[in-house]
Structures are given as C-alpha cells and as structure tokens.
C-alpha cells in the first residue's frame, strides 16, 4: 500500500492558462523585455496562444498586448532608422516611455478587473 497523495495541479501552473494571471505575466514579460529582449518574444507568443480562450474583459487585454508589441516594434524600427540623424535617439526614448505607460495602464485596468477601453488604439 502506497501513501502517495493524489496528483493535483500546482499553483504555479495557472500562469500558462488563459486569464488574469496569464495577462499579468505577459505584462511583466513585456516590461522585462526592455532589459532582457527575449522575454518580450515569450510574452507575444503567450498572448497569441491564449487570445480567444479567456473570454470576458480579459480578451481586450490580449488585443491590447498584441498591438502594444507590434506597434512598439514598428516605432522602434522607425527610431533606429532615424538614429542616423540623431532624432532617432529621442524617438527611441519616447517609444520606451510609450511602451511602459501602455503596460502600466493595462496592469492597472487588470488589477481593477476592467477591460481596456480602446484596445485597438495606437496611442494610450
């Protein structure tokens, strides 16, 4: 007779499932991506994998996250091209601020249990 307890999912496994915890992890991965580039890629993959599965207000966050990644990448590429005329350095700083603000706005709305008001917006 063995006394092994029944297998139950670990609490840490929930962050991969679609929902609030997963969205929060993606926001954190995006912010860490400003320092550790690869974590942003992991975040966008998680957002694409879980979009359409969560339902409710969380869906707007997935749209917001996906658009934040791609629009931020576009802005960053334009800034890199413009670095030859120095204005790109200023624009890159502005892109980083824009990116951080979008992540913070999303985290705050998620914490309040609210949907993003305009997830298709290019601005904030």
N, C-alpha and C. Protein backbone atom coordinates (compact mmCIF):
# COMPACT_ATOMS: atom_id res chain seq x y z
N UNK A 1 0.83 -1.17 0.00
CA UNK A 1 0.00 0.00 0.00
C UNK A 1 0.88 1.24 0.00
N UNK A 2 0.62 2.07 -0.96
CA UNK A 2 1.42 3.29 -1.03
C UNK A 2 0.61 4.46 -0.50
N UNK A 3 1.32 5.38 0.07
CA UNK A 3 0.69 6.55 0.66
C UNK A 3 0.97 7.81 -0.17
N UNK A 4 0.95 7.66 -1.48
CA UNK A 4 1.20 8.83 -2.32
C UNK A 4 -0.08 9.64 -2.46
N UNK A 5 0.04 10.94 -2.29
CA UNK A 5 -1.15 11.80 -2.41
C UNK A 5 -1.58 11.88 -3.88
N UNK A 6 -2.84 12.13 -4.12
CA UNK A 6 -3.31 12.25 -5.49
C UNK A 6 -2.67 13.45 -6.19
N UNK A 7 -2.45 13.33 -7.49
CA UNK A 7 -1.83 14.41 -8.27
C UNK A 7 -2.82 15.56 -8.42
N UNK A 8 -2.40 16.71 -8.01
CA UNK A 8 -3.20 17.92 -8.19
C UNK A 8 -2.32 18.93 -8.92
N UNK A 9 -2.92 19.78 -9.73
CA UNK A 9 -2.11 20.78 -10.42
C UNK A 9 -1.44 21.73 -9.42
N UNK A 10 -0.23 22.07 -9.73
CA UNK A 10 0.49 23.02 -8.88
C UNK A 10 -0.08 24.42 -9.09
N UNK A 11 0.01 25.24 -8.07
CA UNK A 11 -0.48 26.62 -8.17
C UNK A 11 0.26 27.40 -9.25
N UNK A 12 1.54 27.08 -9.46
CA UNK A 12 2.33 27.82 -10.44
C UNK A 12 1.94 27.49 -11.88
N UNK A 13 1.18 26.43 -12.09
CA UNK A 13 0.78 26.08 -13.45
C UNK A 13 -0.30 27.00 -14.00
N UNK A 14 -0.97 27.76 -13.17
CA UNK A 14 -2.07 28.61 -13.60
C UNK A 14 -1.63 29.76 -14.49
N UNK A 15 -0.40 30.18 -14.43
CA UNK A 15 0.02 31.34 -15.20
C UNK A 15 0.07 31.07 -16.69
N UNK A 16 0.05 29.80 -17.08
CA UNK A 16 0.03 29.48 -18.50
C UNK A 16 -1.39 29.42 -19.06
N UNK A 17 -2.38 29.28 -18.20
CA UNK A 17 -3.77 29.18 -18.63
C UNK A 17 -4.31 30.57 -18.95
N UNK A 18 -5.20 30.68 -19.95
CA UNK A 18 -5.77 31.99 -20.27
C UNK A 18 -6.51 32.58 -19.08
N UNK A 19 -6.29 33.84 -18.83
CA UNK A 19 -6.97 34.51 -17.72
C UNK A 19 -6.14 35.65 -17.18
N UNK A 20 -6.57 36.17 -16.05
CA UNK A 20 -5.94 37.34 -15.46
C UNK A 20 -4.48 37.11 -15.09
N UNK A 21 -4.18 35.96 -14.52
CA UNK A 21 -2.79 35.68 -14.13
C UNK A 21 -1.88 35.64 -15.34
N UNK A 22 -2.34 35.02 -16.41
CA UNK A 22 -1.55 34.93 -17.64
C UNK A 22 -1.31 36.32 -18.23
N UNK A 23 -2.33 37.15 -18.24
CA UNK A 23 -2.18 38.51 -18.77
C UNK A 23 -1.17 39.29 -17.93
N UNK A 24 -1.25 39.14 -16.63
CA UNK A 24 -0.32 39.83 -15.74
C UNK A 24 1.12 39.38 -16.02
N UNK A 25 1.32 38.10 -16.24
CA UNK A 25 2.65 37.58 -16.56
C UNK A 25 3.16 38.18 -17.87
N UNK A 26 2.26 38.30 -18.86
CA UNK A 26 2.68 38.86 -20.15
C UNK A 26 3.08 40.33 -19.99
N UNK A 27 2.33 41.10 -19.22
CA UNK A 27 2.72 42.49 -18.97
C UNK A 27 4.12 42.55 -18.34
N UNK A 28 4.36 41.68 -17.38
CA UNK A 28 5.67 41.67 -16.71
C UNK A 28 6.77 41.24 -17.68
N UNK A 29 6.48 40.26 -18.53
CA UNK A 29 7.46 39.85 -19.54
C UNK A 29 7.77 41.00 -20.49
N UNK A 30 6.77 41.75 -20.88
CA UNK A 30 6.99 42.90 -21.76
C UNK A 30 7.90 43.92 -21.09
N UNK A 31 7.61 44.24 -19.82
CA UNK A 31 8.44 45.22 -19.12
C UNK A 31 9.87 44.70 -18.95
N UNK A 32 10.01 43.43 -18.65
CA UNK A 32 11.34 42.84 -18.55
C UNK A 32 12.03 42.82 -19.91
N UNK A 33 11.25 42.78 -20.98
CA UNK A 33 11.80 42.77 -22.33
C UNK A 33 12.56 44.03 -22.67
N UNK A 34 12.31 45.11 -21.95
CA UNK A 34 13.08 46.32 -22.18
C UNK A 34 14.54 46.14 -21.75
N UNK A 35 14.77 45.21 -20.83
CA UNK A 35 16.13 44.91 -20.35
C UNK A 35 16.63 43.59 -20.94
N UNK A 36 15.75 42.59 -20.93
CA UNK A 36 16.08 41.26 -21.44
C UNK A 36 15.20 41.04 -22.66
N UNK A 37 15.71 41.29 -23.83
CA UNK A 37 14.92 41.31 -25.05
C UNK A 37 14.06 40.10 -25.33
N UNK A 38 14.52 38.93 -25.02
CA UNK A 38 13.81 37.70 -25.38
C UNK A 38 12.50 37.52 -24.63
N UNK A 39 12.38 38.12 -23.47
CA UNK A 39 11.16 37.92 -22.69
C UNK A 39 9.95 38.56 -23.37
N UNK A 40 10.16 39.61 -24.15
CA UNK A 40 9.07 40.20 -24.91
C UNK A 40 8.54 39.24 -25.97
N UNK A 41 9.44 38.47 -26.57
CA UNK A 41 9.04 37.47 -27.57
C UNK A 41 8.22 36.37 -26.90
N UNK A 42 8.64 35.95 -25.73
CA UNK A 42 7.88 34.94 -24.98
C UNK A 42 6.49 35.49 -24.66
N UNK A 43 6.42 36.76 -24.30
CA UNK A 43 5.14 37.39 -23.99
C UNK A 43 4.19 37.41 -25.18
N UNK A 44 4.70 37.76 -26.35
CA UNK A 44 3.82 37.82 -27.53
C UNK A 44 3.34 36.43 -27.92
N UNK A 45 4.20 35.43 -27.77
CA UNK A 45 3.79 34.05 -28.06
C UNK A 45 2.67 33.62 -27.12
N UNK A 46 2.82 33.91 -25.83
CA UNK A 46 1.77 33.58 -24.86
C UNK A 46 0.47 34.32 -25.17
N UNK A 47 0.57 35.57 -25.59
CA UNK A 47 -0.63 36.34 -25.91
C UNK A 47 -1.36 35.73 -27.11
N UNK A 48 -0.61 35.34 -28.13
CA UNK A 48 -1.24 34.73 -29.30
C UNK A 48 -1.84 33.36 -28.97
N UNK A 49 -1.16 32.59 -28.13
CA UNK A 49 -1.66 31.26 -27.77
C UNK A 49 -2.95 31.33 -26.97
N UNK A 50 -3.11 32.36 -26.14
CA UNK A 50 -4.26 32.42 -25.24
C UNK A 50 -5.36 33.36 -25.69
N UNK A 51 -5.13 34.11 -26.75
CA UNK A 51 -6.17 35.01 -27.25
C UNK A 51 -7.36 34.19 -27.76
N UNK A 52 -8.55 34.61 -27.40
CA UNK A 52 -9.76 33.92 -27.83
C UNK A 52 -10.18 32.78 -26.92
N UNK A 53 -9.40 32.51 -25.88
CA UNK A 53 -9.73 31.41 -24.97
C UNK A 53 -10.24 31.88 -23.62
N UNK A 54 -9.94 33.11 -23.25
CA UNK A 54 -10.25 33.56 -21.89
C UNK A 54 -11.68 34.07 -21.76
N UNK A 55 -12.14 34.83 -22.71
CA UNK A 55 -13.48 35.41 -22.62
C UNK A 55 -13.52 36.57 -21.65
N UNK A 56 -14.62 37.29 -21.67
CA UNK A 56 -14.81 38.41 -20.74
C UNK A 56 -13.89 39.56 -21.01
N UNK A 57 -13.64 40.33 -19.97
CA UNK A 57 -12.83 41.54 -20.11
C UNK A 57 -11.37 41.25 -20.43
N UNK A 58 -10.91 40.04 -20.15
CA UNK A 58 -9.51 39.68 -20.37
C UNK A 58 -9.16 39.70 -21.87
N UNK A 59 -10.14 39.44 -22.72
CA UNK A 59 -9.89 39.43 -24.17
C UNK A 59 -9.38 40.78 -24.65
N UNK A 60 -9.90 41.86 -24.10
CA UNK A 60 -9.41 43.18 -24.52
C UNK A 60 -7.94 43.37 -24.15
N UNK A 61 -7.52 42.75 -23.06
CA UNK A 61 -6.11 42.84 -22.65
C UNK A 61 -5.21 42.10 -23.63
N UNK A 62 -5.65 40.94 -24.11
CA UNK A 62 -4.85 40.22 -25.09
C UNK A 62 -4.69 41.04 -26.37
N UNK A 63 -5.77 41.66 -26.83
CA UNK A 63 -5.69 42.52 -28.02
C UNK A 63 -4.73 43.68 -27.77
N UNK A 64 -4.86 44.30 -26.62
CA UNK A 64 -4.00 45.42 -26.21
C UNK A 64 -2.53 44.99 -26.18
N UNK A 65 -2.26 43.82 -25.61
CA UNK A 65 -0.89 43.32 -25.51
C UNK A 65 -0.29 43.04 -26.89
N UNK A 66 -1.06 42.40 -27.75
CA UNK A 66 -0.56 42.07 -29.08
C UNK A 66 -0.27 43.34 -29.86
N UNK A 67 -1.19 44.29 -29.80
CA UNK A 67 -0.98 45.56 -30.52
C UNK A 67 0.17 46.36 -29.91
N UNK A 68 0.33 46.31 -28.60
CA UNK A 68 1.45 47.00 -27.96
C UNK A 68 2.77 46.47 -28.48
N UNK A 69 2.88 45.17 -28.61
CA UNK A 69 4.13 44.57 -29.10
C UNK A 69 4.43 45.02 -30.53
N UNK A 70 3.47 44.84 -31.44
CA UNK A 70 3.73 45.11 -32.85
C UNK A 70 3.88 46.60 -33.14
N UNK A 71 3.06 47.43 -32.52
CA UNK A 71 3.19 48.88 -32.73
C UNK A 71 4.50 49.38 -32.13
N UNK A 72 4.85 48.86 -30.95
CA UNK A 72 6.12 49.22 -30.33
C UNK A 72 7.31 48.81 -31.19
N UNK A 73 7.23 47.64 -31.80
CA UNK A 73 8.31 47.18 -32.68
C UNK A 73 8.41 48.10 -33.90
N UNK A 74 7.27 48.47 -34.48
CA UNK A 74 7.27 49.39 -35.61
C UNK A 74 7.89 50.73 -35.23
N UNK A 75 7.46 51.29 -34.11
CA UNK A 75 8.01 52.57 -33.66
C UNK A 75 9.51 52.46 -33.40
N UNK A 76 9.94 51.35 -32.82
CA UNK A 76 11.37 51.16 -32.53
C UNK A 76 12.18 51.06 -33.82
N UNK A 77 11.66 50.37 -34.82
CA UNK A 77 12.38 50.26 -36.09
C UNK A 77 12.50 51.61 -36.78
N UNK A 78 11.44 52.40 -36.75
CA UNK A 78 11.49 53.75 -37.32
C UNK A 78 12.53 54.58 -36.55
N UNK A 79 12.58 54.43 -35.24
CA UNK A 79 13.55 55.17 -34.43
C UNK A 79 14.98 54.76 -34.77
N UNK A 80 15.20 53.48 -34.99
CA UNK A 80 16.54 53.00 -35.34
C UNK A 80 16.98 53.60 -36.67
N UNK A 81 16.08 53.63 -37.64
CA UNK A 81 16.43 54.23 -38.94
C UNK A 81 16.75 55.71 -38.78
N UNK A 82 15.99 56.40 -37.93
CA UNK A 82 16.21 57.83 -37.74
C UNK A 82 17.38 58.16 -36.82
N UNK A 83 18.04 57.16 -36.26
CA UNK A 83 19.19 57.42 -35.41
C UNK A 83 20.35 58.01 -36.20
N UNK A 84 20.32 57.86 -37.50
CA UNK A 84 21.38 58.45 -38.33
C UNK A 84 21.31 59.98 -38.30
N UNK A 85 20.15 60.51 -38.02
CA UNK A 85 20.00 61.97 -37.94
C UNK A 85 19.71 62.42 -36.50
N UNK A 86 20.13 61.66 -35.55
CA UNK A 86 20.08 61.93 -34.12
C UNK A 86 18.67 61.94 -33.53
N UNK A 87 17.67 62.33 -34.27
CA UNK A 87 16.32 62.39 -33.71
C UNK A 87 15.84 61.00 -33.28
N UNK A 88 16.40 59.96 -33.86
CA UNK A 88 16.02 58.59 -33.51
C UNK A 88 16.28 58.26 -32.05
N UNK A 89 17.31 58.84 -31.47
CA UNK A 89 17.61 58.59 -30.05
C UNK A 89 16.49 59.15 -29.17
N UNK A 90 16.02 60.33 -29.52
CA UNK A 90 14.93 60.94 -28.77
C UNK A 90 13.65 60.13 -28.97
N UNK A 91 13.41 59.72 -30.21
CA UNK A 91 12.22 58.91 -30.50
C UNK A 91 12.28 57.56 -29.80
N UNK A 92 13.44 56.95 -29.72
CA UNK A 92 13.56 55.65 -29.04
C UNK A 92 13.21 55.80 -27.56
N UNK A 93 13.64 56.89 -26.96
CA UNK A 93 13.27 57.16 -25.56
C UNK A 93 11.75 57.32 -25.45
N UNK A 94 11.15 58.05 -26.39
CA UNK A 94 9.70 58.25 -26.39
C UNK A 94 8.96 56.92 -26.57
N UNK A 95 9.49 56.05 -27.41
CA UNK A 95 8.88 54.73 -27.62
C UNK A 95 8.94 53.91 -26.33
N UNK A 96 10.07 53.95 -25.64
CA UNK A 96 10.20 53.21 -24.38
C UNK A 96 9.20 53.73 -23.35
N UNK A 97 9.05 55.05 -23.27
CA UNK A 97 8.08 55.63 -22.33
C UNK A 97 6.66 55.20 -22.72
N UNK A 98 6.34 55.28 -24.03
CA UNK A 98 5.02 54.86 -24.53
C UNK A 98 4.74 53.41 -24.17
N UNK A 99 5.73 52.56 -24.36
CA UNK A 99 5.60 51.12 -24.08
C UNK A 99 5.34 50.88 -22.59
N UNK A 100 6.12 51.53 -21.75
CA UNK A 100 5.97 51.37 -20.30
C UNK A 100 4.60 51.87 -19.85
N UNK A 101 4.18 53.01 -20.37
CA UNK A 101 2.88 53.56 -19.98
C UNK A 101 1.75 52.62 -20.39
N UNK A 102 1.81 52.06 -21.59
CA UNK A 102 0.77 51.11 -22.02
C UNK A 102 0.73 49.89 -21.11
N UNK A 103 1.89 49.39 -20.72
CA UNK A 103 1.92 48.23 -19.82
C UNK A 103 1.34 48.58 -18.45
N UNK A 104 1.67 49.76 -17.94
CA UNK A 104 1.16 50.17 -16.63
C UNK A 104 -0.34 50.40 -16.69
N UNK A 105 -0.82 51.05 -17.74
CA UNK A 105 -2.26 51.26 -17.90
C UNK A 105 -2.98 49.91 -17.94
N UNK A 106 -2.42 48.96 -18.67
CA UNK A 106 -3.01 47.63 -18.74
C UNK A 106 -3.00 46.91 -17.40
N UNK A 107 -1.89 47.00 -16.69
CA UNK A 107 -1.81 46.35 -15.37
C UNK A 107 -2.81 46.97 -14.39
N UNK A 108 -2.97 48.29 -14.44
CA UNK A 108 -3.93 48.93 -13.55
C UNK A 108 -5.36 48.52 -13.87
N UNK A 109 -5.70 48.48 -15.15
CA UNK A 109 -7.05 48.06 -15.54
C UNK A 109 -7.28 46.61 -15.15
N UNK A 110 -6.27 45.77 -15.33
CA UNK A 110 -6.39 44.36 -14.96
C UNK A 110 -6.59 44.22 -13.46
N UNK A 111 -5.86 44.99 -12.68
CA UNK A 111 -6.00 44.95 -11.23
C UNK A 111 -7.39 45.36 -10.76
N UNK A 112 -8.02 46.27 -11.48
CA UNK A 112 -9.38 46.70 -11.16
C UNK A 112 -10.43 45.76 -11.74
N UNK A 113 -10.00 44.81 -12.56
CA UNK A 113 -10.94 43.89 -13.19
C UNK A 113 -11.72 44.53 -14.32
N UNK A 114 -11.11 45.48 -15.00
CA UNK A 114 -11.77 46.20 -16.08
C UNK A 114 -11.15 45.84 -17.43
N UNK A 115 -11.95 46.00 -18.47
CA UNK A 115 -11.46 45.83 -19.82
C UNK A 115 -10.71 47.09 -20.25
N UNK A 116 -9.83 46.95 -21.23
CA UNK A 116 -9.19 48.11 -21.83
C UNK A 116 -10.26 48.83 -22.65
N UNK A 117 -10.37 50.13 -22.45
CA UNK A 117 -11.45 50.88 -23.10
C UNK A 117 -11.34 50.91 -24.62
N UNK A 118 -10.15 51.05 -25.14
CA UNK A 118 -9.95 51.11 -26.59
C UNK A 118 -8.73 50.25 -26.95
N UNK A 119 -8.89 48.93 -27.00
CA UNK A 119 -7.72 48.06 -27.21
C UNK A 119 -7.10 48.18 -28.60
N UNK A 120 -7.80 48.78 -29.56
CA UNK A 120 -7.24 48.93 -30.90
C UNK A 120 -6.51 50.26 -31.09
N UNK A 121 -6.36 51.03 -30.04
CA UNK A 121 -5.73 52.34 -30.12
C UNK A 121 -4.23 52.23 -30.42
N UNK A 122 -3.72 53.21 -31.16
CA UNK A 122 -2.30 53.29 -31.42
C UNK A 122 -1.59 54.07 -30.32
N UNK A 123 -2.34 54.85 -29.58
CA UNK A 123 -1.73 55.65 -28.53
C UNK A 123 -1.94 54.99 -27.18
N UNK A 124 -2.44 55.73 -26.22
CA UNK A 124 -2.61 55.16 -24.87
C UNK A 124 -4.08 55.06 -24.55
